[in-house]
Amino acid sequence: MFNKVVISCLKHQTFFDETCEICKKEYFVVKGLEEKDGLIIDKNVAQSHEKPTFYKEFTEEKAKQLYEKLFLYYLKTLNNEKDASNKAKSIITKQCQIRNIEPWNWI
């Protein structure tokens, strides 16, 4: 499955020695780091930037439907119309912020 060879330092078995080249290589493998042209690159971060985050379309119609469902849900749990409305509107506003769109005037 894994075709990486894990290098292990025989001198420093209980800790990593920063001056030992074998320990450095072992540390890089364990942490998922790679040294390239004198720079340390985190492979995990580089991979996460390759995929852009995609959100479904959030129209005003969908926002109103979501508001209705959230309002009814929070009305049951909070037993207060104003608090339920505020909570539902804050969630709609957050969804707008995530998608980088302006919230509608009814929010």
C-alpha atoms as a PDB file:
ATOM      1  CA  MET A   1       0.000   0.000   0.000  1.00  0.00           C
ATOM      2  CA  PHE A   2       2.560   2.569   1.097  1.00  0.00           C
ATOM      3  CA  ASN A   3       5.624   2.791  -1.055  1.00  0.00           C
ATOM      4  CA  LYS A   4       7.478   5.202   1.242  1.00  0.00           C
ATOM      5  CA  VAL A   5      10.466   3.894   3.106  1.00  0.00           C
ATOM      6  CA  VAL A   6      10.524   5.081   6.684  1.00  0.00           C
ATOM      7  CA  ILE A   7      14.030   5.971   7.720  1.00  0.00           C
ATOM      8  CA  SER A   8      14.827   5.363  11.344  1.00  0.00           C
ATOM      9  CA  CYS A   9      17.877   6.656  13.190  1.00  0.00           C
ATOM     10  CA  LEU A  10      19.556   3.954  15.229  1.00  0.00           C
ATOM     11  CA  LYS A  11      21.416   6.429  17.480  1.00  0.00           C
ATOM     12  CA  HIS A  12      18.445   8.542  18.532  1.00  0.00           C
ATOM     13  CA  GLN A  13      15.608   6.120  19.149  1.00  0.00           C
ATOM     14  CA  THR A  14      13.830   8.015  21.925  1.00  0.00           C
ATOM     15  CA  PHE A  15      14.055  11.558  20.478  1.00  0.00           C
ATOM     16  CA  PHE A  16      14.825  13.505  17.309  1.00  0.00           C
ATOM     17  CA  ASP A  17      18.218  15.206  17.158  1.00  0.00           C
ATOM     18  CA  GLU A  18      17.991  18.407  15.106  1.00  0.00           C
ATOM     19  CA  THR A  19      21.607  18.111  13.974  1.00  0.00           C
ATOM     20  CA  CYS A  20      21.248  14.509  12.761  1.00  0.00           C
ATOM     21  CA  GLU A  21      20.391  14.207   9.041  1.00  0.00           C
ATOM     22  CA  ILE A  22      18.724  10.803   9.523  1.00  0.00           C
ATOM     23  CA  CYS A  23      16.533  12.197  12.317  1.00  0.00           C
ATOM     24  CA  LYS A  24      15.549  15.147  10.078  1.00  0.00           C
ATOM     25  CA  LYS A  25      14.512  12.801   7.271  1.00  0.00           C
ATOM     26  CA  GLU A  26      12.513  10.646   9.691  1.00  0.00           C
ATOM     27  CA  TYR A  27      10.813  13.738  11.127  1.00  0.00           C
ATOM     28  CA  PHE A  28       9.881  14.966   7.634  1.00  0.00           C
ATOM     29  CA  VAL A  29       8.350  11.605   6.753  1.00  0.00           C
ATOM     30  CA  VAL A  30       6.370  11.422  10.012  1.00  0.00           C
ATOM     31  CA  LYS A  31       5.060  14.991   9.688  1.00  0.00           C
ATOM     32  CA  GLY A  32       4.329  14.770   5.946  1.00  0.00           C
ATOM     33  CA  LEU A  33       6.908  17.412   5.084  1.00  0.00           C
ATOM     34  CA  GLU A  34       9.212  17.623   2.095  1.00  0.00           C
ATOM     35  CA  GLU A  35      12.374  19.636   1.583  1.00  0.00           C
ATOM     36  CA  LYS A  36      12.623  21.179  -1.857  1.00  0.00           C
ATOM     37  CA  ASP A  37      15.264  23.733  -2.878  1.00  0.00           C
ATOM     38  CA  GLY A  38      16.009  24.526   0.766  1.00  0.00           C
ATOM     39  CA  LEU A  39      12.337  25.182   1.562  1.00  0.00           C
ATOM     40  CA  ILE A  40      10.174  22.966   3.745  1.00  0.00           C
ATOM     41  CA  ILE A  41       6.843  22.157   2.105  1.00  0.00           C
ATOM     42  CA  ASP A  42       3.910  20.683   3.994  1.00  0.00           C
ATOM     43  CA  LYS A  43       2.393  18.124   1.610  1.00  0.00           C
ATOM     44  CA  ASN A  44      -0.889  18.069   3.552  1.00  0.00           C
ATOM     45  CA  VAL A  45      -1.434  21.819   3.092  1.00  0.00           C
ATOM     46  CA  ALA A  46      -0.373  21.750  -0.548  1.00  0.00           C
ATOM     47  CA  GLN A  47      -2.918  19.028  -1.273  1.00  0.00           C
ATOM     48  CA  SER A  48      -5.742  20.850   0.488  1.00  0.00           C
ATOM     49  CA  HIS A  49      -5.234  23.951  -1.684  1.00  0.00           C
ATOM     50  CA  GLU A  50      -5.656  21.936  -4.860  1.00  0.00           C
ATOM     51  CA  LYS A  51      -9.379  21.385  -4.329  1.00  0.00           C
ATOM     52  CA  PRO A  52     -11.470  24.557  -4.230  1.00  0.00           C
ATOM     53  CA  THR A  53     -14.448  24.513  -1.898  1.00  0.00           C
ATOM     54  CA  PHE A  54     -17.706  24.285  -3.811  1.00  0.00           C
ATOM     55  CA  TYR A  55     -21.033  25.308  -2.324  1.00  0.00           C
ATOM     56  CA  LYS A  56     -24.427  24.680  -3.840  1.00  0.00           C
ATOM     57  CA  GLU A  57     -26.329  27.621  -5.262  1.00  0.00           C
ATOM     58  CA  PHE A  58     -28.079  29.602  -2.529  1.00  0.00           C
ATOM     59  CA  THR A  59     -30.962  31.538  -4.056  1.00  0.00           C
ATOM     60  CA  GLU A  60     -33.445  33.731  -2.226  1.00  0.00           C
ATOM     61  CA  GLU A  61     -36.096  31.041  -2.704  1.00  0.00           C
ATOM     62  CA  LYS A  62     -33.872  28.418  -1.034  1.00  0.00           C
ATOM     63  CA  ALA A  63     -33.001  30.878   1.713  1.00  0.00           C
ATOM     64  CA  LYS A  64     -36.686  31.445   2.467  1.00  0.00           C
ATOM     65  CA  GLN A  65     -37.341  27.703   2.595  1.00  0.00           C
ATOM     66  CA  LEU A  66     -34.372  27.206   4.903  1.00  0.00           C
ATOM     67  CA  TYR A  67     -35.508  30.113   7.077  1.00  0.00           C
ATOM     68  CA  GLU A  68     -38.962  28.569   7.440  1.00  0.00           C
ATOM     69  CA  LYS A  69     -37.542  25.197   8.472  1.00  0.00           C
ATOM     70  CA  LEU A  70     -35.041  26.740  10.872  1.00  0.00           C
ATOM     71  CA  PHE A  71     -37.636  29.059  12.373  1.00  0.00           C
ATOM     72  CA  LEU A  72     -40.002  26.163  13.112  1.00  0.00           C
ATOM     73  CA  TYR A  73     -37.174  24.069  14.546  1.00  0.00           C
ATOM     74  CA  TYR A  74     -35.912  26.825  16.853  1.00  0.00           C
ATOM     75  CA  LEU A  75     -39.450  27.799  17.816  1.00  0.00           C
ATOM     76  CA  LYS A  76     -39.914  24.300  19.251  1.00  0.00           C
ATOM     77  CA  THR A  77     -36.646  24.380  21.163  1.00  0.00           C
ATOM     78  CA  LEU A  78     -36.555  28.043  22.269  1.00  0.00           C
ATOM     79  CA  ASN A  79     -40.316  28.692  22.733  1.00  0.00           C
ATOM     80  CA  ASN A  80     -39.765  32.322  21.738  1.00  0.00           C
ATOM     81  CA  GLU A  81     -40.619  33.678  18.265  1.00  0.00           C
ATOM     82  CA  LYS A  82     -38.130  36.545  18.347  1.00  0.00           C
ATOM     83  CA  ASP A  83     -35.210  34.349  19.421  1.00  0.00           C
ATOM     84  CA  ALA A  84     -36.153  31.668  16.883  1.00  0.00           C
ATOM     85  CA  SER A  85     -36.314  34.276  14.127  1.00  0.00           C
ATOM     86  CA  ASN A  86     -32.967  35.802  15.102  1.00  0.00           C
ATOM     87  CA  LYS A  87     -31.281  32.402  15.234  1.00  0.00           C
ATOM     88  CA  ALA A  88     -32.653  31.386  11.826  1.00  0.00           C
ATOM     89  CA  LYS A  89     -31.649  34.726  10.293  1.00  0.00           C
ATOM     90  CA  SER A  90     -28.132  34.455  11.697  1.00  0.00           C
ATOM     91  CA  ILE A  91     -27.726  31.056  10.038  1.00  0.00           C
ATOM     92  CA  ILE A  92     -28.987  32.434   6.708  1.00  0.00           C
ATOM     93  CA  THR A  93     -26.568  35.362   7.042  1.00  0.00           C
ATOM     94  CA  LYS A  94     -23.692  32.971   7.729  1.00  0.00           C
ATOM     95  CA  GLN A  95     -24.574  30.959   4.616  1.00  0.00           C
ATOM     96  CA  CYS A  96     -24.502  34.179   2.586  1.00  0.00           C
ATOM     97  CA  GLN A  97     -21.085  35.084   4.017  1.00  0.00           C
ATOM     98  CA  ILE A  98     -19.685  31.646   3.175  1.00  0.00           C
ATOM     99  CA  ARG A  99     -20.809  32.053  -0.430  1.00  0.00           C
ATOM    100  CA  ASN A 100     -19.695  35.678  -0.584  1.00  0.00           C
ATOM    101  CA  ILE A 101     -23.142  37.037  -1.474  1.00  0.00           C
ATOM    102  CA  GLU A 102     -25.113  39.944  -0.025  1.00  0.00           C
ATOM    103  CA  PRO A 103     -27.888  38.934   2.389  1.00  0.00           C
ATOM    104  CA  TRP A 104     -31.382  39.871   1.283  1.00  0.00           C
ATOM    105  CA  ASN A 105     -33.174  42.846   2.845  1.00  0.00           C
ATOM    106  CA  TRP A 106     -35.643  40.646   4.760  1.00  0.00           C
ATOM    107  CA  ILE A 107     -32.785  39.269   6.834  1.00  0.00           C
END
